[in-house]
Amino acid sequence: MVSNRRCVAAWHLCQARKLPVLPLAEAKRDGSRGAMKHEVSTALYEYWLGRHRDTPVRPSVIQPADLAPLLPSLFLVEVDGGDRPRFRFRFCGAAVATRYGRDLTGESFLELWDDPDRSMLRRDLRAVAFRSTGLVAGVLGETIGGGVISYELLLLPLAGENDAVGAIGSMVRTGGHDEANRLRARIVAQSLRSVRFLPMAGSESLPGYSKRAAALFPHELGISRRYGHLTVVPGGK
């Protein structure tokens, strides 16, 4: 698992306490940071990079209190091993829950997508875990009120106890119709519009990623490819 119950409980507790929201640091716009449109994405990426040295980033080094300004837009995903690994939400921020009209904790991350995008994200999540890299995607969502919104999705790999594989991510609106009515604003369908892999952090063979990821995902993945309208671009520039 990505995180034990105590770790996940700390995330829920910090969100429930509604810690004061501090202004985000000015985002760097060069290199891989320039691949991201929203300051929440950039801030989370900077925080993750700051804890990624010679070993993989584990949930124990990510303190939810440090991320208080971002918590509503964050989520945690873990991989349940097996013949068909399941990517399950372990934490769902309040803003993310509002977008979908429910708390997604315990649900499958991949079930939010249609079949083509689901297959692609399953493959890309494997690449994220195996290569110790991040992924940023542009997403178009359709609301129950008939509106269309765009948002940015960021996924960054985490290594849990016993070298399990998972991710921390953010989801933030970047454009489209901003419906004031929460019921009408609920997302009922969504699709990928772009996917970009960020540069690898450190070695390709970091312990805790390649060891466990290779066991879960035995097939090596290429990351430069095109699927119909969607182009997957390696790197962050």
C-alpha atoms as a PDB file:
ATOM      1  CA  MET A   1       0.000   0.000   0.000  1.00  0.00           C
ATOM      2  CA  VAL A   2       1.029   3.604  -0.532  1.00  0.00           C
ATOM      3  CA  SER A   3       0.293   4.535   3.044  1.00  0.00           C
ATOM      4  CA  ASN A   4      -0.867   2.986   6.277  1.00  0.00           C
ATOM      5  CA  ARG A   5      -4.085   3.999   8.047  1.00  0.00           C
ATOM      6  CA  ARG A   6      -2.322   6.399  10.405  1.00  0.00           C
ATOM      7  CA  CYS A   7      -0.738   8.306   7.512  1.00  0.00           C
ATOM      8  CA  VAL A   8      -4.012   8.600   5.610  1.00  0.00           C
ATOM      9  CA  ALA A   9      -5.871   9.624   8.783  1.00  0.00           C
ATOM     10  CA  ALA A  10      -3.449  12.541   9.165  1.00  0.00           C
ATOM     11  CA  TRP A  11      -4.476  13.836   5.734  1.00  0.00           C
ATOM     12  CA  HIS A  12      -8.175  13.711   6.613  1.00  0.00           C
ATOM     13  CA  LEU A  13      -7.523  15.338   9.986  1.00  0.00           C
ATOM     14  CA  CYS A  14      -5.569  18.241   8.483  1.00  0.00           C
ATOM     15  CA  GLN A  15      -8.319  18.867   5.962  1.00  0.00           C
ATOM     16  CA  ALA A  16     -11.045  18.703   8.637  1.00  0.00           C
ATOM     17  CA  ARG A  17      -9.164  21.214  10.812  1.00  0.00           C
ATOM     18  CA  LYS A  18      -9.201  23.735   7.932  1.00  0.00           C
ATOM     19  CA  LEU A  19      -5.697  24.989   8.565  1.00  0.00           C
ATOM     20  CA  PRO A  20      -5.101  28.602   7.453  1.00  0.00           C
ATOM     21  CA  VAL A  21      -4.428  28.952   3.753  1.00  0.00           C
ATOM     22  CA  LEU A  22      -1.109  30.641   3.170  1.00  0.00           C
ATOM     23  CA  PRO A  23      -0.160  32.278  -0.135  1.00  0.00           C
ATOM     24  CA  LEU A  24       1.674  29.946  -2.470  1.00  0.00           C
ATOM     25  CA  ALA A  25       5.260  30.716  -3.298  1.00  0.00           C
ATOM     26  CA  GLU A  26       5.798  32.284  -6.688  1.00  0.00           C
ATOM     27  CA  ALA A  27       5.957  29.449  -9.189  1.00  0.00           C
ATOM     28  CA  LYS A  28       9.058  28.939 -11.276  1.00  0.00           C
ATOM     29  CA  ARG A  29       8.202  28.976 -14.951  1.00  0.00           C
ATOM     30  CA  ASP A  30      11.318  27.489 -16.492  1.00  0.00           C
ATOM     31  CA  GLY A  31      11.989  23.905 -17.571  1.00  0.00           C
ATOM     32  CA  SER A  32       9.514  21.274 -16.426  1.00  0.00           C
ATOM     33  CA  ARG A  33       7.618  23.829 -14.299  1.00  0.00           C
ATOM     34  CA  GLY A  34       6.632  25.565 -17.518  1.00  0.00           C
ATOM     35  CA  ALA A  35       4.711  22.438 -18.522  1.00  0.00           C
ATOM     36  CA  MET A  36       2.164  23.224 -15.795  1.00  0.00           C
ATOM     37  CA  LYS A  37      -0.445  25.965 -15.993  1.00  0.00           C
ATOM     38  CA  HIS A  38      -1.656  26.201 -12.401  1.00  0.00           C
ATOM     39  CA  GLU A  39       0.263  27.313  -9.325  1.00  0.00           C
ATOM     40  CA  VAL A  40      -1.144  24.400  -7.288  1.00  0.00           C
ATOM     41  CA  SER A  41       0.427  21.921  -9.717  1.00  0.00           C
ATOM     42  CA  THR A  42       3.725  23.760  -9.653  1.00  0.00           C
ATOM     43  CA  ALA A  43       3.774  24.055  -5.863  1.00  0.00           C
ATOM     44  CA  LEU A  44       3.079  20.340  -5.380  1.00  0.00           C
ATOM     45  CA  TYR A  45       5.765  19.424  -7.907  1.00  0.00           C
ATOM     46  CA  GLU A  46       8.321  21.669  -6.196  1.00  0.00           C
ATOM     47  CA  TYR A  47       7.467  20.116  -2.813  1.00  0.00           C
ATOM     48  CA  TRP A  48       7.790  16.581  -4.215  1.00  0.00           C
ATOM     49  CA  LEU A  49      11.129  17.379  -5.888  1.00  0.00           C
ATOM     50  CA  GLY A  50      12.449  18.781  -2.624  1.00  0.00           C
ATOM     51  CA  ARG A  51      11.949  15.365  -1.017  1.00  0.00           C
ATOM     52  CA  HIS A  52      13.256  13.314  -3.924  1.00  0.00           C
ATOM     53  CA  ARG A  53      16.958  12.710  -3.416  1.00  0.00           C
ATOM     54  CA  ASP A  54      18.731   9.347  -3.627  1.00  0.00           C
ATOM     55  CA  THR A  55      15.674   7.399  -2.542  1.00  0.00           C
ATOM     56  CA  PRO A  56      12.059   7.412  -3.702  1.00  0.00           C
ATOM     57  CA  VAL A  57       9.555   9.725  -2.096  1.00  0.00           C
ATOM     58  CA  ARG A  58       7.558   7.955   0.602  1.00  0.00           C
ATOM     59  CA  PRO A  59       4.329   9.201   2.208  1.00  0.00           C
ATOM     60  CA  SER A  60       6.089   9.499   5.563  1.00  0.00           C
ATOM     61  CA  VAL A  61       8.223  12.413   4.282  1.00  0.00           C
ATOM     62  CA  ILE A  62       5.203  14.295   2.925  1.00  0.00           C
ATOM     63  CA  GLN A  63       3.494  16.163   5.737  1.00  0.00           C
ATOM     64  CA  PRO A  64      -0.114  17.185   4.997  1.00  0.00           C
ATOM     65  CA  ALA A  65       0.274  20.226   7.264  1.00  0.00           C
ATOM     66  CA  ASP A  66       3.020  21.487   4.912  1.00  0.00           C
ATOM     67  CA  LEU A  67       0.537  21.273   2.051  1.00  0.00           C
ATOM     68  CA  ALA A  68      -2.387  22.917   3.848  1.00  0.00           C
ATOM     69  CA  PRO A  69      -3.007  25.515   1.101  1.00  0.00           C
ATOM     70  CA  LEU A  70      -3.188  22.716  -1.479  1.00  0.00           C
ATOM     71  CA  LEU A  71      -5.071  19.976   0.399  1.00  0.00           C
ATOM     72  CA  PRO A  72      -8.534  20.614  -1.122  1.00  0.00           C
ATOM     73  CA  SER A  73      -7.110  19.972  -4.603  1.00  0.00           C
ATOM     74  CA  LEU A  74      -4.961  16.935  -3.716  1.00  0.00           C
ATOM     75  CA  PHE A  75      -5.534  13.195  -3.704  1.00  0.00           C
ATOM     76  CA  LEU A  76      -3.609  10.012  -2.948  1.00  0.00           C
ATOM     77  CA  VAL A  77      -3.750   6.872  -5.085  1.00  0.00           C
ATOM     78  CA  GLU A  78      -2.415   3.437  -4.219  1.00  0.00           C
ATOM     79  CA  VAL A  79      -1.992   0.295  -6.283  1.00  0.00           C
ATOM     80  CA  ASP A  80      -3.633  -2.912  -5.133  1.00  0.00           C
ATOM     81  CA  GLY A  81      -1.451  -5.706  -6.513  1.00  0.00           C
ATOM     82  CA  GLY A  82      -2.772  -8.609  -8.524  1.00  0.00           C
ATOM     83  CA  ASP A  83      -3.153  -9.792 -12.085  1.00  0.00           C
ATOM     84  CA  ARG A  84      -5.002  -6.550 -12.858  1.00  0.00           C
ATOM     85  CA  PRO A  85      -3.696  -3.888 -10.440  1.00  0.00           C
ATOM     86  CA  ARG A  86      -6.360  -1.483  -9.179  1.00  0.00           C
ATOM     87  CA  PHE A  87      -5.563   2.193  -8.704  1.00  0.00           C
ATOM     88  CA  ARG A  88      -7.617   3.205  -5.662  1.00  0.00           C
ATOM     89  CA  PHE A  89      -8.139   6.608  -4.012  1.00  0.00           C
ATOM     90  CA  ARG A  90      -6.825   6.690  -0.443  1.00  0.00           C
ATOM     91  CA  PHE A  91      -7.469  10.408   0.106  1.00  0.00           C
ATOM     92  CA  CYS A  92      -9.676  12.831  -1.793  1.00  0.00           C
ATOM     93  CA  GLY A  93      -9.454  16.580  -1.204  1.00  0.00           C
ATOM     94  CA  ALA A  94     -12.633  18.573  -0.586  1.00  0.00           C
ATOM     95  CA  ALA A  95     -12.446  20.492  -3.891  1.00  0.00           C
ATOM     96  CA  VAL A  96     -11.963  17.264  -5.850  1.00  0.00           C
ATOM     97  CA  ALA A  97     -14.913  15.678  -4.032  1.00  0.00           C
ATOM     98  CA  THR A  98     -17.064  18.709  -4.843  1.00  0.00           C
ATOM     99  CA  ARG A  99     -16.213  18.419  -8.535  1.00  0.00           C
ATOM    100  CA  TYR A 100     -17.525  14.844  -8.609  1.00  0.00           C
ATOM    101  CA  GLY A 101     -20.345  15.272  -6.130  1.00  0.00           C
ATOM    102  CA  ARG A 102     -18.941  12.706  -3.685  1.00  0.00           C
ATOM    103  CA  ASP A 103     -15.865  11.665  -1.732  1.00  0.00           C
ATOM    104  CA  LEU A 104     -13.857   9.384  -4.028  1.00  0.00           C
ATOM    105  CA  THR A 105     -11.947   7.660  -1.200  1.00  0.00           C
ATOM    106  CA  GLY A 106     -11.956   3.909  -1.812  1.00  0.00           C
ATOM    107  CA  GLU A 107     -13.061   4.225  -5.441  1.00  0.00           C
ATOM    108  CA  SER A 108     -11.008   3.346  -8.510  1.00  0.00           C
ATOM    109  CA  PHE A 109      -9.162   6.237 -10.137  1.00  0.00           C
ATOM    110  CA  LEU A 110      -9.415   4.563 -13.546  1.00  0.00           C
ATOM    111  CA  GLU A 111     -13.199   4.155 -13.372  1.00  0.00           C
ATOM    112  CA  LEU A 112     -13.554   7.921 -13.768  1.00  0.00           C
ATOM    113  CA  TRP A 113     -12.506   7.580 -17.416  1.00  0.00           C
ATOM    114  CA  ASP A 114     -13.926   5.988 -20.559  1.00  0.00           C
ATOM    115  CA  ASP A 115     -12.301   2.864 -22.011  1.00  0.00           C
ATOM    116  CA  PRO A 116      -9.680   4.457 -24.323  1.00  0.00           C
ATOM    117  CA  ASP A 117      -8.465   6.925 -21.682  1.00  0.00           C
ATOM    118  CA  ARG A 118      -8.636   4.250 -18.980  1.00  0.00           C
ATOM    119  CA  SER A 119      -6.320   1.974 -20.941  1.00  0.00           C
ATOM    120  CA  MET A 120      -3.926   4.792 -21.652  1.00  0.00           C
ATOM    121  CA  LEU A 121      -3.819   5.986 -18.035  1.00  0.00           C
ATOM    122  CA  ARG A 122      -3.270   2.447 -16.775  1.00  0.00           C
ATOM    123  CA  ARG A 123      -0.210   2.277 -19.016  1.00  0.00           C
ATOM    124  CA  ASP A 124       0.950   5.772 -18.087  1.00  0.00           C
ATOM    125  CA  LEU A 125       0.601   5.134 -14.352  1.00  0.00           C
ATOM    126  CA  ARG A 126       2.832   2.115 -14.805  1.00  0.00           C
ATOM    127  CA  ALA A 127       5.373   4.310 -16.584  1.00  0.00           C
ATOM    128  CA  VAL A 128       5.209   6.893 -13.785  1.00  0.00           C
ATOM    129  CA  ALA A 129       5.953   4.215 -11.175  1.00  0.00           C
ATOM    130  CA  PHE A 130       8.596   2.400 -13.199  1.00  0.00           C
ATOM    131  CA  ARG A 131      10.520   5.457 -14.360  1.00  0.00           C
ATOM    132  CA  SER A 132      10.204   7.654 -11.246  1.00  0.00           C
ATOM    133  CA  THR A 133       8.769  10.537 -13.216  1.00  0.00           C
ATOM    134  CA  GLY A 134       5.733  12.778 -13.012  1.00  0.00           C
ATOM    135  CA  LEU A 135       2.845  13.180 -15.408  1.00  0.00           C
ATOM    136  CA  VAL A 136       0.784  16.289 -16.162  1.00  0.00           C
ATOM    137  CA  ALA A 137      -2.379  16.064 -18.240  1.00  0.00           C
ATOM    138  CA  GLY A 138      -4.966  18.418 -19.671  1.00  0.00           C
ATOM    139  CA  VAL A 139      -8.524  17.184 -19.091  1.00  0.00           C
ATOM    140  CA  LEU A 140     -11.873  18.290 -20.475  1.00  0.00           C
ATOM    141  CA  GLY A 141     -14.896  17.643 -18.257  1.00  0.00           C
ATOM    142  CA  GLU A 142     -18.627  17.766 -18.931  1.00  0.00           C
ATOM    143  CA  THR A 143     -20.892  18.787 -16.050  1.00  0.00           C
ATOM    144  CA  ILE A 144     -24.368  17.561 -15.220  1.00  0.00           C
ATOM    145  CA  GLY A 145     -25.655  21.050 -16.077  1.00  0.00           C
ATOM    146  CA  GLY A 146     -24.288  20.786 -19.619  1.00  0.00           C
ATOM    147  CA  GLY A 147     -21.244  22.979 -19.069  1.00  0.00           C
ATOM    148  CA  VAL A 148     -17.681  22.213 -20.100  1.00  0.00           C
ATOM    149  CA  ILE A 149     -14.626  22.816 -17.923  1.00  0.00           C
ATOM    150  CA  SER A 150     -10.933  22.187 -18.378  1.00  0.00           C
ATOM    151  CA  TYR A 151      -8.597  21.184 -15.596  1.00  0.00           C
ATOM    152  CA  GLU A 152      -5.024  20.173 -15.017  1.00  0.00           C
ATOM    153  CA  LEU A 153      -4.151  16.784 -13.565  1.00  0.00           C
ATOM    154  CA  LEU A 154      -0.740  16.127 -11.981  1.00  0.00           C
ATOM    155  CA  LEU A 155       0.456  12.678 -10.842  1.00  0.00           C
ATOM    156  CA  LEU A 156       3.729  12.104  -8.952  1.00  0.00           C
ATOM    157  CA  PRO A 157       4.961   8.658  -7.824  1.00  0.00           C
ATOM    158  CA  LEU A 158       5.184   7.588  -4.197  1.00  0.00           C
ATOM    159  CA  ALA A 159       6.707   4.441  -2.728  1.00  0.00           C
ATOM    160  CA  GLY A 160       5.041   2.990   0.341  1.00  0.00           C
ATOM    161  CA  GLU A 161       5.889   0.276   2.804  1.00  0.00           C
ATOM    162  CA  ASN A 162       7.281  -2.937   1.292  1.00  0.00           C
ATOM    163  CA  ASP A 163       8.060  -1.015  -1.906  1.00  0.00           C
ATOM    164  CA  ALA A 164       4.410  -0.630  -2.888  1.00  0.00           C
ATOM    165  CA  VAL A 165       3.616   1.781  -5.666  1.00  0.00           C
ATOM    166  CA  GLY A 166       1.281   4.770  -5.624  1.00  0.00           C
ATOM    167  CA  ALA A 167       0.986   8.465  -6.369  1.00  0.00           C
ATOM    168  CA  ILE A 168       0.105  11.857  -5.003  1.00  0.00           C
ATOM    169  CA  GLY A 169      -1.798  14.084  -7.365  1.00  0.00           C
ATOM    170  CA  SER A 170      -3.616  17.370  -7.833  1.00  0.00           C
ATOM    171  CA  MET A 171      -6.640  18.369  -9.869  1.00  0.00           C
ATOM    172  CA  VAL A 172      -7.347  22.070 -10.517  1.00  0.00           C
ATOM    173  CA  ARG A 173      -9.647  23.947 -12.849  1.00  0.00           C
ATOM    174  CA  THR A 174      -7.866  25.943 -15.573  1.00  0.00           C
ATOM    175  CA  GLY A 175     -10.753  27.166 -17.707  1.00  0.00           C
ATOM    176  CA  GLY A 176     -14.238  26.661 -19.058  1.00  0.00           C
ATOM    177  CA  HIS A 177     -17.618  27.328 -17.500  1.00  0.00           C
ATOM    178  CA  ASP A 178     -17.499  28.049 -13.763  1.00  0.00           C
ATOM    179  CA  GLU A 179     -20.930  26.920 -12.571  1.00  0.00           C
ATOM    180  CA  ALA A 180     -21.940  28.457  -9.231  1.00  0.00           C
ATOM    181  CA  ASN A 181     -24.516  25.744  -8.513  1.00  0.00           C
ATOM    182  CA  ARG A 182     -22.586  22.806  -7.072  1.00  0.00           C
ATOM    183  CA  LEU A 183     -25.124  20.232  -8.200  1.00  0.00           C
ATOM    184  CA  ARG A 184     -25.038  21.458 -11.796  1.00  0.00           C
ATOM    185  CA  ALA A 185     -21.221  21.723 -11.681  1.00  0.00           C
ATOM    186  CA  ARG A 186     -20.713  18.019 -10.912  1.00  0.00           C
ATOM    187  CA  ILE A 187     -18.531  16.273 -13.495  1.00  0.00           C
ATOM    188  CA  VAL A 188     -20.296  13.387 -15.222  1.00  0.00           C
ATOM    189  CA  ALA A 189     -17.837  12.691 -18.049  1.00  0.00           C
ATOM    190  CA  GLN A 190     -14.243  13.601 -18.791  1.00  0.00           C
ATOM    191  CA  SER A 191     -11.575  12.962 -21.380  1.00  0.00           C
ATOM    192  CA  LEU A 192      -7.850  13.470 -21.773  1.00  0.00           C
ATOM    193  CA  ARG A 193      -6.710  16.216 -24.125  1.00  0.00           C
ATOM    194  CA  SER A 194      -2.941  16.124 -23.554  1.00  0.00           C
ATOM    195  CA  VAL A 195      -0.429  14.116 -21.549  1.00  0.00           C
ATOM    196  CA  ARG A 196       3.142  15.127 -20.789  1.00  0.00           C
ATOM    197  CA  PHE A 197       5.758  13.211 -18.841  1.00  0.00           C
ATOM    198  CA  LEU A 198       8.030  15.360 -16.688  1.00  0.00           C
ATOM    199  CA  PRO A 199      11.799  14.711 -16.579  1.00  0.00           C
ATOM    200  CA  MET A 200      12.878  11.796 -14.436  1.00  0.00           C
ATOM    201  CA  ALA A 201      14.025  12.669 -10.915  1.00  0.00           C
ATOM    202  CA  GLY A 202      17.329  10.964 -10.177  1.00  0.00           C
ATOM    203  CA  SER A 203      18.177   7.480 -11.371  1.00  0.00           C
ATOM    204  CA  GLU A 204      15.938   5.300 -13.544  1.00  0.00           C
ATOM    205  CA  SER A 205      16.527   2.421 -11.123  1.00  0.00           C
ATOM    206  CA  LEU A 206      15.580   3.996  -7.816  1.00  0.00           C
ATOM    207  CA  PRO A 207      14.875   1.375  -5.155  1.00  0.00           C
ATOM    208  CA  GLY A 208      11.204   1.180  -4.273  1.00  0.00           C
ATOM    209  CA  TYR A 209      10.023   1.988  -7.760  1.00  0.00           C
ATOM    210  CA  SER A 210      11.674  -0.309 -10.259  1.00  0.00           C
ATOM    211  CA  LYS A 211      11.772  -3.318  -7.924  1.00  0.00           C
ATOM    212  CA  ARG A 212       8.085  -3.331  -7.051  1.00  0.00           C
ATOM    213  CA  ALA A 213       6.877  -1.727 -10.258  1.00  0.00           C
ATOM    214  CA  ALA A 214       8.650  -4.344 -12.321  1.00  0.00           C
ATOM    215  CA  ALA A 215       6.869  -7.060 -10.334  1.00  0.00           C
ATOM    216  CA  LEU A 216       3.475  -5.413 -10.831  1.00  0.00           C
ATOM    217  CA  PHE A 217       4.089  -4.316 -14.414  1.00  0.00           C
ATOM    218  CA  PRO A 218       6.401  -6.791 -16.187  1.00  0.00           C
ATOM    219  CA  HIS A 219       6.305  -5.119 -19.611  1.00  0.00           C
ATOM    220  CA  GLU A 220       8.672  -2.226 -20.341  1.00  0.00           C
ATOM    221  CA  LEU A 221       6.841   0.859 -21.611  1.00  0.00           C
ATOM    222  CA  GLY A 222       7.641   3.346 -24.336  1.00  0.00           C
ATOM    223  CA  ILE A 223       6.387   6.871 -23.682  1.00  0.00           C
ATOM    224  CA  SER A 224       6.475   8.650 -27.057  1.00  0.00           C
ATOM    225  CA  ARG A 225       3.244   7.795 -28.838  1.00  0.00           C
ATOM    226  CA  ARG A 226       0.047   9.129 -30.409  1.00  0.00           C
ATOM    227  CA  TYR A 227      -3.529   7.930 -29.890  1.00  0.00           C
ATOM    228  CA  GLY A 228      -5.979   9.510 -32.315  1.00  0.00           C
ATOM    229  CA  HIS A 229      -6.418  13.130 -31.217  1.00  0.00           C
ATOM    230  CA  LEU A 230      -4.058  12.732 -28.249  1.00  0.00           C
ATOM    231  CA  THR A 231      -0.279  13.150 -28.371  1.00  0.00           C
ATOM    232  CA  VAL A 232       1.921  11.963 -25.521  1.00  0.00           C
ATOM    233  CA  VAL A 233       5.094  14.028 -25.274  1.00  0.00           C
ATOM    234  CA  PRO A 234       8.176  12.898 -23.307  1.00  0.00           C
ATOM    235  CA  GLY A 235       9.932  15.492 -21.152  1.00  0.00           C
ATOM    236  CA  GLY A 236       8.680  18.721 -19.726  1.00  0.00           C
ATOM    237  CA  LYS A 237       9.735  21.375 -22.210  1.00  0.00           C
END
